[in-house]
Amino acid sequence: MVLASLEANSVAWTDEQELRDVDKFGCGYLFTVNPITPNADPRRVIKLCRMLEIE
């Protein structure tokens, strides 16, 4: 099940700083993946994928 989610298409991306903002302030930015912002540092990009619902 985990392996399938690793192969899923990304729906957005963020970075560590935005995740810290979510932890600290309760909100942070998500960015589009089509295309990923040209000036984004690829070493900092954390791709986000939709998780399958399990019933």
N, C-alpha and C. Protein backbone atom coordinates (compact mmCIF):
# COMPACT_ATOMS: atom_id res chain seq x y z
N MET A 1 0.83 -1.19 0.00
CA MET A 1 0.00 0.00 0.00
C MET A 1 0.88 1.26 0.00
N VAL A 2 1.92 1.28 0.80
CA VAL A 2 2.80 2.45 0.86
C VAL A 2 3.51 2.65 -0.47
N LEU A 3 3.97 1.57 -1.08
CA LEU A 3 4.67 1.67 -2.36
C LEU A 3 3.79 2.30 -3.42
N ALA A 4 2.51 1.95 -3.45
CA ALA A 4 1.59 2.54 -4.42
C ALA A 4 1.49 4.04 -4.22
N SER A 5 1.48 4.51 -2.98
CA SER A 5 1.36 5.95 -2.74
C SER A 5 2.62 6.69 -3.17
N LEU A 6 3.79 6.03 -3.13
CA LEU A 6 5.02 6.68 -3.57
C LEU A 6 5.03 6.91 -5.07
N GLU A 7 4.27 6.11 -5.81
CA GLU A 7 4.21 6.25 -7.25
C GLU A 7 3.10 7.19 -7.71
N ALA A 8 2.32 7.70 -6.79
CA ALA A 8 1.19 8.57 -7.13
C ALA A 8 1.69 9.90 -7.70
N ASN A 9 0.87 10.53 -8.48
CA ASN A 9 1.19 11.84 -9.04
C ASN A 9 1.09 12.91 -7.96
N SER A 10 2.02 13.82 -7.96
CA SER A 10 2.00 14.92 -7.00
C SER A 10 0.86 15.87 -7.33
N VAL A 11 0.23 16.42 -6.29
CA VAL A 11 -0.86 17.37 -6.49
C VAL A 11 -0.44 18.79 -6.08
N ALA A 12 0.64 18.90 -5.31
CA ALA A 12 1.15 20.21 -4.87
C ALA A 12 2.54 19.97 -4.28
N TRP A 13 3.19 21.07 -3.89
CA TRP A 13 4.45 20.93 -3.19
C TRP A 13 4.58 22.03 -2.16
N THR A 14 5.46 21.84 -1.21
CA THR A 14 5.76 22.82 -0.18
C THR A 14 7.22 22.65 0.20
N ASP A 15 7.66 23.34 1.23
CA ASP A 15 9.03 23.14 1.72
C ASP A 15 9.03 23.14 3.24
N GLU A 16 10.19 22.88 3.81
CA GLU A 16 10.30 22.74 5.26
C GLU A 16 9.87 24.01 5.99
N GLN A 17 10.20 25.17 5.44
CA GLN A 17 9.82 26.44 6.09
C GLN A 17 8.31 26.58 6.19
N GLU A 18 7.60 26.23 5.13
CA GLU A 18 6.14 26.31 5.15
C GLU A 18 5.55 25.33 6.17
N LEU A 19 6.15 24.15 6.28
CA LEU A 19 5.68 23.18 7.27
C LEU A 19 5.93 23.68 8.69
N ARG A 20 7.04 24.38 8.91
CA ARG A 20 7.28 24.98 10.23
C ARG A 20 6.23 26.06 10.51
N ASP A 21 5.88 26.84 9.49
CA ASP A 21 4.84 27.86 9.67
C ASP A 21 3.50 27.22 10.05
N VAL A 22 3.17 26.09 9.43
CA VAL A 22 1.93 25.39 9.77
C VAL A 22 1.97 24.97 11.23
N ASP A 23 3.10 24.44 11.67
CA ASP A 23 3.24 24.00 13.06
C ASP A 23 3.13 25.19 14.02
N LYS A 24 3.74 26.31 13.65
CA LYS A 24 3.79 27.48 14.55
C LYS A 24 2.54 28.36 14.48
N PHE A 25 2.06 28.62 13.25
CA PHE A 25 0.97 29.58 13.07
C PHE A 25 -0.35 28.96 12.63
N GLY A 26 -0.33 27.68 12.23
CA GLY A 26 -1.55 27.02 11.78
C GLY A 26 -1.85 27.18 10.31
N CYS A 27 -0.92 27.80 9.54
CA CYS A 27 -1.13 27.93 8.10
C CYS A 27 0.22 28.06 7.40
N GLY A 28 0.24 27.66 6.13
CA GLY A 28 1.45 27.74 5.32
C GLY A 28 1.06 27.62 3.86
N TYR A 29 1.97 27.89 2.98
CA TYR A 29 1.69 27.88 1.54
C TYR A 29 1.88 26.50 0.92
N LEU A 30 1.01 26.18 -0.04
CA LEU A 30 1.16 25.05 -0.94
C LEU A 30 1.33 25.64 -2.33
N PHE A 31 2.14 24.99 -3.14
CA PHE A 31 2.42 25.52 -4.48
C PHE A 31 2.02 24.50 -5.54
N THR A 32 1.73 24.99 -6.73
CA THR A 32 1.30 24.14 -7.83
C THR A 32 2.46 23.30 -8.38
N VAL A 33 2.13 22.14 -8.92
CA VAL A 33 3.17 21.28 -9.51
C VAL A 33 3.15 21.32 -11.02
N ASN A 34 2.20 21.99 -11.61
CA ASN A 34 2.10 22.04 -13.07
C ASN A 34 2.21 23.45 -13.59
N PRO A 35 3.38 23.99 -13.73
CA PRO A 35 4.70 23.43 -13.41
C PRO A 35 5.13 23.85 -12.01
N ILE A 36 6.18 23.19 -11.51
CA ILE A 36 6.79 23.64 -10.25
C ILE A 36 7.45 24.98 -10.55
N THR A 37 7.30 25.92 -9.65
CA THR A 37 7.84 27.27 -9.82
C THR A 37 9.30 27.20 -10.29
N PRO A 38 9.62 27.91 -11.38
CA PRO A 38 10.97 27.82 -11.95
C PRO A 38 12.09 28.22 -10.98
N ASN A 39 11.82 29.14 -10.06
CA ASN A 39 12.88 29.57 -9.14
C ASN A 39 12.90 28.76 -7.83
N ALA A 40 12.11 27.69 -7.75
CA ALA A 40 12.11 26.84 -6.56
C ALA A 40 13.41 26.03 -6.51
N ASP A 41 13.97 25.92 -5.33
CA ASP A 41 15.19 25.11 -5.14
C ASP A 41 14.77 23.64 -5.09
N PRO A 42 15.15 22.83 -6.07
CA PRO A 42 14.70 21.44 -6.12
C PRO A 42 15.13 20.63 -4.90
N ARG A 43 16.16 21.07 -4.20
CA ARG A 43 16.59 20.36 -2.98
C ARG A 43 15.64 20.59 -1.82
N ARG A 44 14.81 21.62 -1.90
CA ARG A 44 13.89 21.94 -0.81
C ARG A 44 12.45 21.54 -1.08
N VAL A 45 12.15 21.14 -2.31
CA VAL A 45 10.78 20.79 -2.71
C VAL A 45 10.35 19.50 -2.03
N ILE A 46 9.21 19.56 -1.34
CA ILE A 46 8.58 18.38 -0.75
C ILE A 46 7.28 18.18 -1.51
N LYS A 47 7.24 17.14 -2.35
CA LYS A 47 6.04 16.89 -3.16
C LYS A 47 4.96 16.27 -2.29
N LEU A 48 3.73 16.71 -2.52
CA LEU A 48 2.57 16.22 -1.77
C LEU A 48 1.67 15.42 -2.71
N CYS A 49 1.23 14.27 -2.24
CA CYS A 49 0.38 13.38 -3.04
C CYS A 49 -0.93 13.13 -2.31
N ARG A 50 -1.95 12.87 -3.07
CA ARG A 50 -3.26 12.53 -2.51
C ARG A 50 -3.17 11.09 -1.99
N MET A 51 -3.69 10.86 -0.79
CA MET A 51 -3.67 9.54 -0.19
C MET A 51 -4.99 8.83 -0.49
N LEU A 52 -4.91 7.57 -0.84
CA LEU A 52 -6.11 6.79 -1.08
C LEU A 52 -6.88 6.58 0.22
N GLU A 53 -8.19 6.66 0.13
CA GLU A 53 -9.01 6.41 1.30
C GLU A 53 -9.16 4.90 1.49
N ILE A 54 -8.99 4.47 2.72
CA ILE A 54 -9.14 3.05 3.04
C ILE A 54 -10.39 2.91 3.91
N GLU A 55 -11.29 2.07 3.46
CA GLU A 55 -12.54 1.89 4.23
C GLU A 55 -12.47 0.66 5.08
